Amino acid sequence: MKTAYLSLGSNLGDRLGNLVAAVRLLGAPGPLGAPPGRIQIVQTSSVWETLPQGKTDQPDFLNMAIAVQTDLTPAELLEHALAVEAALGRVRLERWGPRLIDIDLCWYDDLSMKTDRLELPHPRMAERAFVLVPLLELRPDPQWQNWLAQLPDQGLRPFLAGSDFHLVRPD
């Protein structure tokens, strides 16, 4: 089994419910393409409220990260994440625009790779405090900490402690 880290965000509708539903679907076996035992969620970060980056005329985001153990390849894990987004109603209308759910594969077992569909580590994670802060809760990585130290304040605020995440139920 390999360890992978995914970043999740939502700024439309029931933002927290969207994150909870995404985490549940990511780890659930069944019709979304993850056979039983192929993905195990081992850790969830706290949930952070974040000012939008890039396109700023939209609602604030809730962001978090999860650590998974998987025997899926990086490409298979990405396809599973995209299937979860689609199942939750994600429609890609504009780059960096508002979204019900966004799931990015940020890190996969220290692997570096670049294909037409996937780049690891995620090419913009070093620019995003809303990715790095939750990831650092799950894996204290000196490189990630250095990246974070170089970023300006991006308006992160604690929203829900990671230890409380499993208590939340989607509507």
Protein backbone atom coordinates (compact mmCIF):
# COMPACT_ATOMS: atom_id res chain seq x y z
CA MET A 1 0.00 0.00 0.00
CA LYS A 2 1.17 3.51 -0.85
CA THR A 3 0.45 6.72 1.05
CA ALA A 4 -1.21 9.57 -0.82
CA TYR A 5 -2.43 13.00 0.26
CA LEU A 6 -5.44 14.74 -1.24
CA SER A 7 -6.63 18.31 -0.79
CA LEU A 8 -10.37 19.02 -0.73
CA GLY A 9 -12.23 22.31 -1.01
CA SER A 10 -15.78 23.62 -1.33
CA ASN A 11 -17.34 27.08 -1.50
CA LEU A 12 -20.88 26.43 -2.73
CA GLY A 13 -23.93 25.05 -0.95
CA ASP A 14 -23.35 23.13 2.27
CA ARG A 15 -19.58 23.46 2.20
CA LEU A 16 -18.92 21.23 5.22
CA GLY A 17 -21.48 18.66 4.08
CA ASN A 18 -19.77 18.58 0.67
CA LEU A 19 -16.42 17.81 2.31
CA VAL A 20 -17.92 15.10 4.52
CA ALA A 21 -19.67 13.49 1.55
CA ALA A 22 -16.47 13.59 -0.52
CA VAL A 23 -14.39 11.96 2.23
CA ARG A 24 -16.99 9.22 2.66
CA LEU A 25 -17.20 8.55 -1.08
CA LEU A 26 -13.43 8.57 -1.51
CA GLY A 27 -13.11 5.75 1.01
CA ALA A 28 -16.24 3.84 0.08
CA PRO A 29 -16.08 0.78 -2.15
CA GLY A 30 -18.63 0.51 -4.88
CA PRO A 31 -19.85 2.07 -8.09
CA LEU A 32 -17.33 4.92 -8.13
CA GLY A 33 -14.55 2.54 -9.02
CA ALA A 34 -12.76 1.80 -5.77
CA PRO A 35 -12.93 -1.94 -5.12
CA PRO A 36 -13.11 -2.92 -1.43
CA GLY A 37 -9.88 -2.34 0.44
CA ARG A 38 -8.16 -0.39 -2.35
CA ILE A 39 -8.42 2.99 -0.56
CA GLN A 40 -8.33 3.42 3.19
CA ILE A 41 -8.62 6.89 4.69
CA VAL A 42 -6.14 6.96 7.55
CA GLN A 43 -6.22 10.60 8.63
CA THR A 44 -8.20 13.81 8.13
CA SER A 45 -6.93 17.31 8.80
CA SER A 46 -8.82 20.12 10.43
CA VAL A 47 -11.15 22.12 8.20
CA TRP A 48 -9.96 25.64 7.39
CA GLU A 49 -11.95 28.57 6.06
CA THR A 50 -10.06 30.32 3.31
CA LEU A 51 -10.36 33.47 1.27
CA PRO A 52 -10.65 32.65 -2.44
CA GLN A 53 -7.37 32.85 -4.35
CA GLY A 54 -7.00 33.90 -7.98
CA LYS A 55 -10.64 34.69 -8.72
CA THR A 56 -11.63 36.57 -5.55
CA ASP A 57 -15.26 37.56 -6.29
CA GLN A 58 -16.75 34.36 -4.89
CA PRO A 59 -17.64 32.88 -1.48
CA ASP A 60 -14.98 31.76 0.99
CA PHE A 61 -13.82 28.14 0.81
CA LEU A 62 -13.63 25.37 3.34
CA ASN A 63 -10.47 23.34 2.79
CA MET A 64 -8.98 20.20 4.30
CA ALA A 65 -6.63 17.34 3.47
CA ILE A 66 -6.78 13.59 3.88
CA ALA A 67 -4.15 10.87 3.97
CA VAL A 68 -5.00 7.57 2.34
CA GLN A 69 -3.38 4.19 2.01
CA THR A 70 -4.00 2.72 -1.44
CA ASP A 71 -2.85 0.18 -3.94
CA LEU A 72 -4.35 2.22 -6.77
CA THR A 73 -1.88 3.82 -9.15
CA PRO A 74 -1.72 7.63 -9.11
CA ALA A 75 -3.76 7.73 -12.34
CA GLU A 76 -6.41 5.40 -10.89
CA LEU A 77 -6.60 7.45 -7.69
CA LEU A 78 -7.03 10.65 -9.71
CA GLU A 79 -9.82 9.05 -11.76
CA HIS A 80 -11.54 7.94 -8.56
CA ALA A 81 -11.31 11.50 -7.16
CA LEU A 82 -12.77 12.92 -10.38
CA ALA A 83 -15.61 10.35 -10.24
CA VAL A 84 -16.38 11.46 -6.67
CA GLU A 85 -16.44 15.11 -7.78
CA ALA A 86 -18.87 14.23 -10.59
CA ALA A 87 -21.07 12.15 -8.27
CA LEU A 88 -21.37 15.16 -5.95
CA GLY A 89 -22.39 17.45 -8.82
CA ARG A 90 -19.12 19.19 -9.72
CA VAL A 91 -19.39 21.06 -13.01
CA ARG A 92 -16.26 22.71 -14.35
CA LEU A 93 -17.37 26.07 -15.71
CA GLU A 94 -14.37 28.32 -15.12
CA ARG A 95 -10.83 27.90 -13.89
CA TRP A 96 -10.51 28.81 -10.18
CA GLY A 97 -14.22 29.59 -10.06
CA PRO A 98 -16.71 28.55 -7.38
CA ARG A 99 -17.27 24.84 -6.91
CA LEU A 100 -19.30 22.38 -4.88
CA ILE A 101 -16.23 20.19 -4.42
CA ASP A 102 -12.65 20.14 -5.60
CA ILE A 103 -10.35 17.19 -4.95
CA ASP A 104 -6.66 17.41 -5.87
CA LEU A 105 -4.12 14.62 -5.61
CA CYS A 106 -1.17 16.50 -4.10
CA TRP A 107 1.34 13.86 -3.10
CA TYR A 108 1.72 10.14 -3.79
CA ASP A 109 4.36 8.20 -1.88
CA ASP A 110 7.20 10.66 -2.65
CA LEU A 111 6.70 10.03 -6.37
CA SER A 112 7.59 12.68 -8.95
CA MET A 113 5.86 12.36 -12.30
CA LYS A 114 4.30 14.41 -15.08
CA THR A 115 1.77 13.24 -17.65
CA ASP A 116 -0.87 15.03 -19.68
CA ARG A 117 -3.42 14.43 -16.87
CA LEU A 118 -1.39 14.37 -13.67
CA GLU A 119 1.64 16.03 -12.15
CA LEU A 120 3.10 14.95 -8.80
CA PRO A 121 3.74 16.57 -6.52
CA HIS A 122 0.84 18.89 -7.38
CA PRO A 123 2.40 21.75 -9.37
CA ARG A 124 0.80 24.59 -7.37
CA MET A 125 0.77 23.19 -3.84
CA ALA A 126 3.82 25.29 -2.89
CA GLU A 127 1.78 28.45 -3.68
CA ARG A 128 -1.27 27.56 -1.60
CA ALA A 129 -1.45 27.92 2.16
CA PHE A 130 -4.93 26.36 2.02
CA VAL A 131 -3.24 23.18 0.78
CA LEU A 132 -0.05 23.27 2.84
CA VAL A 133 -1.54 24.04 6.27
CA PRO A 134 -3.89 21.02 6.26
CA LEU A 135 -1.22 18.79 4.72
CA LEU A 136 1.26 19.75 7.44
CA GLU A 137 -1.22 18.56 10.06
CA LEU A 138 -1.01 15.10 8.48
CA ARG A 139 2.67 14.99 7.58
CA PRO A 140 5.21 17.37 9.12
CA ASP A 141 7.42 17.78 6.06
CA PRO A 142 10.32 20.29 6.21
CA GLN A 143 10.00 21.12 2.49
CA TRP A 144 6.28 21.88 2.86
CA GLN A 145 7.01 23.98 5.96
CA ASN A 146 9.61 25.99 4.01
CA TRP A 147 7.13 26.60 1.20
CA LEU A 148 4.52 27.79 3.69
CA ALA A 149 6.98 30.11 5.42
CA GLN A 150 7.59 31.91 2.11
CA LEU A 151 3.91 32.61 1.40
CA PRO A 152 2.07 35.82 2.26
CA ASP A 153 -0.96 35.63 4.55
CA GLN A 154 -3.75 34.01 2.54
CA GLY A 155 -6.51 34.45 5.10
CA LEU A 156 -6.76 30.97 6.62
CA ARG A 157 -8.99 30.63 9.67
CA PRO A 158 -9.68 27.49 11.72
CA PHE A 159 -13.21 26.18 11.12
CA LEU A 160 -13.38 22.65 12.57
CA ALA A 161 -10.72 20.64 14.41
CA GLY A 162 -9.62 17.46 12.67
CA SER A 163 -10.54 15.41 15.71
CA ASP A 164 -14.16 16.61 15.34
CA PHE A 165 -14.47 15.90 11.61
CA HIS A 166 -15.74 12.33 12.04
CA LEU A 167 -18.64 13.63 14.17
CA VAL A 168 -20.11 15.69 11.32
CA ARG A 169 -22.93 14.13 9.32
CA PRO A 170 -24.03 15.37 5.88
CA ASP A 171 -27.68 16.45 5.58
